[in-house]
Each structure stands twice: as structure tokens, then as C-alpha cells.
């Protein structure tokens, strides 16, 4: 009897397990998702879904972005290719929730060098908001200062920070290798009130020494 009860209990547990929803798969609803592609590679690239190019108006240059494209929601395989080449760099499965803003950061030529974030677009009425993401493959940990005030420290590759409130106007961005005091890259930008910005970076390898860092900026 005890053995029979044990098998009965296992069957019940298995039944509950089979009913548990999978949160790794997002169903298509017919409503679009909004996807921004940021390119931190050395290549000019395009993004395809089922053979159809999604960035129709322009190619995605190094440190460029697409802004938020209307794409099919659900779980789909997206192909990333060099511009002008039919050869696929890599394919990546993206689970895109409908009516949601998301960004995929392409940082290299393989799927593990690309990652996606879900973006909460909550702006400020008294200034700008800025976040930092380390998209420099091979550069190690990085810091960011905005107008000489550090807002990000020790960010490893693919780490994304939250938005920091920043005064609008002419703004100095400086990226440092963590533990150093001399900027690896600087950029002066004009920030506007009510806008949201993402600071990202590209690493260019050199024969000796650390990679050269270049700063990119996406504003919404």
C-alpha cells in the first residue's frame, strides 16, 4: 500500500509540474513589441526575422542604433548579419513581450556577446536621466562619470545600471578603466529635459595595451 501511495503522490507532482507555465517563452499576441538594436561591434550590421530585414531605413553602423522598431512579439529567432553579406554572424532567440520597450546590445560576432534588456521609460520633468551599460567586449570593468561625478563603478561586461537624474545642458561623459584616474574615453553631449539616455561603449583592440574605448549615446 505504501508503494502504491508513493506512486500516486509522484503522479500528482508530475501533473502539477506539467501545468507550470514556462517563463522563458513569450507567446505572440498579434500586438507589436518595440525593439532597439545598439551596435557595439566593429561591423555595420542588420537584423532579420524570418528572412525579412527589420531595420529598413538604415543600416546599423558601429556605435549606431535603430531606435525602437515595431517587431513581432513572442519568442522568435533573429538573425544578425554584416551589411552587404548574406552570411549570418549569429542567430539569437529573443522573447519579446508585446507593447514593451526592449533593447538588444550586440557586442560581438557570436550569440553570447549579445544581450537584451527590458526598458522602463520613465522620464523626469526637471532634467535628463542617464544610465550606463558596459558593452565593450574584452575591456574588463569600467566606470562612468557625468560632469566629474561617478554614477557607475566597476561595471563588468554586459552590466547595465539604472537611470541617474542629471541636469540638462552641456554634459561631460568620461569612461575609465576601473581603478584608474585617467579617462579612457571622453564625450561632450547636450542633454535635454525629459529625455532618457543610455551611455554605451565600444572596445577596439590594439597591438599592445588595453583596448581603445569609444563612447556611444542613445537618447529617447
Protein backbone atom coordinates (compact mmCIF):
# COMPACT_ATOMS: atom_id res chain seq x y z
CA UNK A 1 0.00 0.00 0.00
CA UNK A 2 2.81 2.39 0.85
CA UNK A 3 4.38 1.80 -2.58
CA UNK A 4 1.04 2.45 -4.29
CA UNK A 5 0.58 5.69 -2.34
CA UNK A 6 4.11 6.74 -3.28
CA UNK A 7 3.43 6.25 -7.00
CA UNK A 8 0.15 8.18 -6.63
CA UNK A 9 1.97 11.10 -4.98
CA UNK A 10 4.62 11.14 -7.72
CA UNK A 11 1.90 11.22 -10.39
CA UNK A 12 0.24 14.23 -8.72
CA UNK A 13 3.55 16.12 -8.51
CA UNK A 14 4.29 15.35 -12.16
CA UNK A 15 0.86 16.63 -13.13
CA UNK A 16 1.42 19.92 -11.34
CA UNK A 17 4.87 20.25 -12.93
CA UNK A 18 3.46 19.77 -16.42
CA UNK A 19 0.95 22.57 -15.77
CA UNK A 20 3.62 25.03 -14.60
CA UNK A 21 3.98 27.83 -17.19
CA UNK A 22 7.31 28.43 -18.91
CA UNK A 23 8.53 31.96 -18.35
CA UNK A 24 11.31 31.51 -20.91
CA UNK A 25 8.81 31.57 -23.78
CA UNK A 26 6.70 34.64 -24.56
CA UNK A 27 3.62 33.94 -26.70
CA UNK A 28 2.81 36.02 -29.76
CA UNK A 29 -0.33 38.12 -29.26
CA UNK A 30 -0.60 39.97 -32.56
CA UNK A 31 0.45 43.20 -30.87
CA UNK A 32 3.95 44.54 -31.64
CA UNK A 33 6.96 44.76 -29.39
CA UNK A 34 9.34 47.72 -29.56
CA UNK A 35 12.97 46.70 -30.07
CA UNK A 36 16.03 48.93 -30.19
CA UNK A 37 19.27 47.43 -31.52
CA UNK A 38 22.54 49.01 -30.36
CA UNK A 39 25.69 48.02 -32.23
CA UNK A 40 28.93 47.95 -30.22
CA UNK A 41 30.86 45.88 -32.76
CA UNK A 42 33.36 46.92 -35.42
CA UNK A 43 30.93 45.90 -38.18
CA UNK A 44 27.96 47.53 -39.86
CA UNK A 45 25.11 45.09 -39.28
CA UNK A 46 21.44 44.37 -39.99
CA UNK A 47 18.82 42.38 -38.09
CA UNK A 48 16.48 39.87 -39.77
CA UNK A 49 13.37 37.97 -38.69
CA UNK A 50 12.27 35.05 -40.89
CA UNK A 51 14.46 36.38 -43.68
CA UNK A 52 12.98 39.88 -43.56
CA UNK A 53 15.24 42.76 -42.63
CA UNK A 54 13.80 44.70 -39.70
CA UNK A 55 15.93 47.88 -39.88
CA UNK A 56 14.60 49.01 -43.25
CA UNK A 57 15.51 52.70 -43.23
CA UNK A 58 19.22 52.45 -42.43
CA UNK A 59 21.99 50.02 -41.60
CA UNK A 60 23.30 49.84 -38.03
CA UNK A 61 26.75 51.39 -38.00
CA UNK A 62 29.34 50.82 -35.24
CA UNK A 63 28.04 52.64 -32.14
CA UNK A 64 24.77 53.21 -34.00
CA UNK A 65 21.25 52.19 -33.05
CA UNK A 66 17.89 51.60 -34.69
CA UNK A 67 15.71 53.43 -32.17
CA UNK A 68 12.66 51.37 -31.22
CA UNK A 69 11.44 49.26 -34.14
CA UNK A 70 7.98 47.72 -34.29
CA UNK A 71 8.66 43.97 -34.44
CA UNK A 72 6.60 40.84 -33.89
CA UNK A 73 6.04 39.95 -30.25
CA UNK A 74 6.60 36.43 -28.98
CA UNK A 75 9.63 34.15 -28.93
CA UNK A 76 11.49 34.25 -32.25
CA UNK A 77 14.94 33.64 -33.69
CA UNK A 78 16.55 36.81 -35.00
CA UNK A 79 19.49 36.71 -37.42
CA UNK A 80 22.30 39.27 -37.32
CA UNK A 81 24.36 39.79 -40.47
CA UNK A 82 27.10 42.07 -41.72
CA UNK A 83 25.76 44.68 -44.10
CA UNK A 84 26.05 43.53 -47.71
CA UNK A 85 26.68 39.90 -46.77
CA UNK A 86 24.18 37.02 -46.82
CA UNK A 87 26.30 35.18 -44.25
CA UNK A 88 24.81 35.20 -40.78
CA UNK A 89 27.05 36.33 -37.93
CA UNK A 90 24.80 34.59 -35.42
CA UNK A 91 21.19 33.84 -34.56
CA UNK A 92 19.67 34.62 -31.18
CA UNK A 93 16.33 33.73 -29.65
CA UNK A 94 14.59 36.80 -28.25
CA UNK A 95 11.47 36.60 -26.09
CA UNK A 96 9.72 39.90 -26.80
CA UNK A 97 6.69 40.86 -24.77
CA UNK A 98 4.04 42.85 -26.61
CA UNK A 99 3.76 46.65 -26.16
CA UNK A 100 7.06 46.57 -24.24
CA UNK A 101 10.25 48.52 -24.95
CA UNK A 102 13.41 46.41 -25.10
CA UNK A 103 17.00 46.87 -26.24
CA UNK A 104 19.34 44.24 -27.62
CA UNK A 105 23.02 45.13 -27.33
CA UNK A 106 25.20 43.49 -29.99
CA UNK A 107 28.78 43.47 -28.69
CA UNK A 108 30.47 40.81 -30.83
CA UNK A 109 30.08 38.21 -33.55
CA UNK A 110 28.51 35.41 -31.51
CA UNK A 111 25.22 34.99 -29.67
CA UNK A 112 26.85 35.06 -26.23
CA UNK A 113 28.09 38.60 -26.98
CA UNK A 114 24.53 39.89 -27.39
CA UNK A 115 22.07 40.50 -24.57
CA UNK A 116 18.64 42.06 -24.14
CA UNK A 117 17.16 44.40 -21.55
CA UNK A 118 13.60 45.46 -20.82
CA UNK A 119 13.45 49.25 -20.74
CA UNK A 120 11.32 51.26 -18.33
CA UNK A 121 10.89 54.64 -19.99
CA UNK A 122 10.07 56.89 -17.06
CA UNK A 123 11.34 60.40 -17.75
CA UNK A 124 11.93 63.38 -15.48
CA UNK A 125 10.28 66.79 -15.75
CA UNK A 126 13.21 68.64 -14.16
CA UNK A 127 16.18 67.20 -16.05
CA UNK A 128 17.51 64.25 -18.02
CA UNK A 129 18.05 60.65 -16.92
CA UNK A 130 21.16 58.66 -17.87
CA UNK A 131 22.14 55.01 -17.48
CA UNK A 132 25.38 53.18 -18.31
CA UNK A 133 25.98 49.74 -19.79
CA UNK A 134 29.35 48.11 -20.38
CA UNK A 135 29.18 46.83 -23.95
CA UNK A 136 32.97 46.82 -24.52
CA UNK A 137 33.86 43.17 -25.03
CA UNK A 138 37.37 42.44 -23.77
CA UNK A 139 37.83 45.72 -21.91
CA UNK A 140 37.16 44.48 -18.39
CA UNK A 141 35.39 46.57 -15.74
CA UNK A 142 34.62 50.23 -16.43
CA UNK A 143 33.48 53.34 -14.54
CA UNK A 144 31.43 56.29 -15.78
CA UNK A 145 31.47 59.86 -14.55
CA UNK A 146 28.97 62.53 -15.59
CA UNK A 147 30.25 66.07 -15.13
CA UNK A 148 33.03 64.53 -13.00
CA UNK A 149 30.57 62.79 -10.65
CA UNK A 150 30.80 58.99 -10.78
CA UNK A 151 27.45 57.31 -11.45
CA UNK A 152 28.80 53.83 -12.25
CA UNK A 153 31.79 51.97 -10.82
CA UNK A 154 33.20 48.54 -11.51
CA UNK A 155 30.75 47.64 -14.27
CA UNK A 156 31.72 44.28 -15.78
CA UNK A 157 30.95 43.40 -19.39
CA UNK A 158 27.17 43.34 -20.03
CA UNK A 159 26.30 45.03 -16.74
CA UNK A 160 23.52 47.60 -17.04
CA UNK A 161 22.87 50.26 -14.42
CA UNK A 162 19.72 52.14 -13.51
CA UNK A 163 18.90 55.67 -14.59
CA UNK A 164 20.54 58.55 -12.73
CA UNK A 165 19.00 62.02 -12.65
CA UNK A 166 21.23 64.57 -14.38
CA UNK A 167 20.85 68.28 -15.07
CA UNK A 168 20.06 69.08 -18.69
CA UNK A 169 22.52 71.02 -20.83
CA UNK A 170 26.10 70.52 -21.97
CA UNK A 171 27.38 67.40 -20.24
CA UNK A 172 30.79 65.74 -19.96
CA UNK A 173 30.88 61.94 -20.10
CA UNK A 174 34.07 60.14 -19.08
CA UNK A 175 34.70 56.40 -19.08
CA UNK A 176 37.56 54.96 -17.03
CA UNK A 177 39.11 51.57 -16.67
CA UNK A 178 38.18 50.62 -13.12
CA UNK A 179 40.99 51.50 -10.74
CA UNK A 180 42.49 54.22 -12.97
CA UNK A 181 42.29 58.00 -12.76
CA UNK A 182 42.85 58.97 -16.40
CA UNK A 183 39.78 58.71 -18.68
CA UNK A 184 39.93 56.04 -21.36
CA UNK A 185 37.33 57.98 -23.35
CA UNK A 186 35.53 61.31 -23.14
CA UNK A 187 32.50 62.74 -24.89
CA UNK A 188 30.68 66.06 -24.57
CA UNK A 189 26.94 65.89 -25.26
CA UNK A 190 23.86 68.09 -24.95
CA UNK A 191 21.16 66.54 -22.75
CA UNK A 192 17.57 67.75 -22.82
CA UNK A 193 14.96 67.83 -20.07
CA UNK A 194 12.56 64.90 -20.20
CA UNK A 195 14.86 62.67 -22.26
CA UNK A 196 16.28 59.27 -21.32
CA UNK A 197 19.82 58.36 -22.35
CA UNK A 198 21.86 55.18 -22.50
CA UNK A 199 25.65 55.50 -22.48
CA UNK A 200 27.41 52.51 -24.02
CA UNK A 201 30.91 51.80 -25.29
CA UNK A 202 32.91 50.03 -27.98
CA UNK A 203 36.34 48.46 -27.49
CA UNK A 204 38.89 48.39 -30.32
CA UNK A 205 41.81 46.03 -29.82
CA UNK A 206 45.35 47.30 -30.31
CA UNK A 207 48.68 45.50 -30.66
CA UNK A 208 49.78 46.32 -27.12
CA UNK A 209 47.99 47.69 -24.10
CA UNK A 210 44.33 47.98 -23.29
CA UNK A 211 41.66 48.37 -25.99
CA UNK A 212 40.69 51.83 -27.21
CA UNK A 213 37.32 52.83 -25.76
CA UNK A 214 34.77 54.88 -27.70
CA UNK A 215 31.55 56.24 -26.19
CA UNK A 216 28.13 55.95 -27.79
CA UNK A 217 24.88 57.60 -26.69
CA UNK A 218 21.26 56.72 -27.35
CA UNK A 219 18.55 59.21 -26.45
CA UNK A 220 14.81 58.70 -26.25
